Every structure is written in structure tokens, then in C-alpha cells.
Amino acid sequence: MPQSHPVHKREGPHERGSPTPRGSSPDLVTGLATSTTAGIELIEKLSGIRALNVLDQSSLPQLRAILKGTLNL
């Protein structure tokens, strides 16, 4: 029987996720689940992590800003 993974609730959207075993935490979720507005909203609601459809040209300014801030560019 497949095991379910617990959902970790956050205080609000766009907060950083739980630290990984190496002590870092994700800043962004991308991929197939972010191909719809509903998917993006669900990811952000359940995880508190920013989600972007990087194939959507209109999300590129947000992606650049996240990368600049995270990587201190």
C-alpha cells in the first residue's frame, strides 16, 4: 500500500519551506504542476513556497528577481 506524505502547513504563502537534511530550504517550485494557475495556487497554499511556470514568458521577471535575491547577484 502506498504511503502518503504529510503536508506541512505554513503561516502564509511565499514563506520558505522546511529545511532539507542539508539545512537548506527551497525558494521556488517549477515543473509540470505549475503549468496551470490552479496548480500554482495549490502548491503555494499547501507548501508556502513560491511556484512559477517558467515556460510562461510573463513569469521571467519574477524568476529573475528570485534568482537575484537568492544568489545575491
Protein backbone atom coordinates (compact mmCIF):
# COMPACT_ATOMS: atom_id res chain seq x y z
CA MET A 1 0.00 0.00 0.00
CA PRO A 2 1.47 3.40 -0.95
CA GLN A 3 2.44 5.69 1.89
CA SER A 4 1.12 9.21 1.95
CA HIS A 5 3.43 12.10 2.64
CA PRO A 6 2.46 14.59 5.35
CA VAL A 7 1.51 18.10 4.29
CA HIS A 8 3.39 20.74 6.25
CA LYS A 9 1.25 23.82 6.75
CA ARG A 10 2.85 27.25 6.76
CA GLU A 11 1.75 30.54 8.26
CA GLY A 12 1.13 32.09 4.84
CA PRO A 13 2.05 31.97 1.17
CA HIS A 14 5.55 32.67 -0.15
CA GLU A 15 7.34 31.67 3.04
CA ARG A 16 10.31 29.37 2.72
CA GLY A 17 9.74 25.66 3.07
CA SER A 18 11.07 23.29 5.70
CA PRO A 19 14.83 22.81 5.80
CA THR A 20 16.19 19.79 3.98
CA PRO A 21 18.57 17.35 5.68
CA ARG A 22 21.44 19.54 4.43
CA GLY A 23 19.96 22.61 6.11
CA SER A 24 18.75 24.44 3.00
CA SER A 25 15.15 25.08 2.04
CA PRO A 26 13.53 25.53 -1.38
CA ASP A 27 12.91 29.01 -2.73
CA LEU A 28 10.87 28.02 -5.75
CA VAL A 29 8.76 25.21 -7.23
CA THR A 30 8.69 24.70 -11.01
CA GLY A 31 7.70 21.88 -13.30
CA LEU A 32 4.59 20.20 -14.65
CA ALA A 33 2.48 21.00 -11.57
CA THR A 34 2.99 24.73 -12.25
CA SER A 35 1.57 24.63 -15.78
CA THR A 36 -1.83 25.90 -14.61
CA THR A 37 -2.93 28.71 -12.33
CA ALA A 38 -4.76 26.16 -10.17
CA GLY A 39 -1.57 24.12 -9.79
CA ILE A 40 0.44 27.20 -8.80
CA GLU A 41 -2.18 28.28 -6.27
CA LEU A 42 -2.39 24.80 -4.74
CA ILE A 43 1.39 24.47 -4.41
CA GLU A 44 1.67 27.87 -2.76
CA LYS A 45 -1.26 27.20 -0.44
CA LEU A 46 -0.09 23.77 0.70
CA SER A 47 3.65 24.37 0.87
CA GLY A 48 4.05 28.09 1.37
CA ILE A 49 6.72 28.03 -1.35
CA ARG A 50 6.62 30.32 -4.37
CA ALA A 51 5.61 28.47 -7.58
CA LEU A 52 6.22 29.65 -11.15
CA ASN A 53 5.54 28.33 -14.63
CA VAL A 54 8.96 29.10 -16.10
CA LEU A 55 7.69 28.30 -19.61
CA ASP A 56 5.37 31.33 -19.36
CA GLN A 57 7.28 34.38 -20.61
CA SER A 58 5.37 36.65 -18.23
CA SER A 59 6.92 34.85 -15.23
CA LEU A 60 10.51 35.60 -16.29
CA PRO A 61 10.77 38.94 -14.43
CA GLN A 62 9.67 37.17 -11.23
CA LEU A 63 12.17 34.36 -11.86
CA ARG A 64 14.98 36.87 -12.41
CA ALA A 65 14.10 38.70 -9.19
CA ILE A 66 14.04 35.44 -7.20
CA LEU A 67 17.39 34.37 -8.63
CA LYS A 68 18.96 37.78 -7.99
CA GLY A 69 17.76 37.82 -4.40
CA THR A 70 18.62 34.22 -3.64
CA LEU A 71 22.02 34.21 -5.33
CA ASN A 72 22.91 37.77 -4.24
CA LEU A 73 23.56 38.86 -7.84
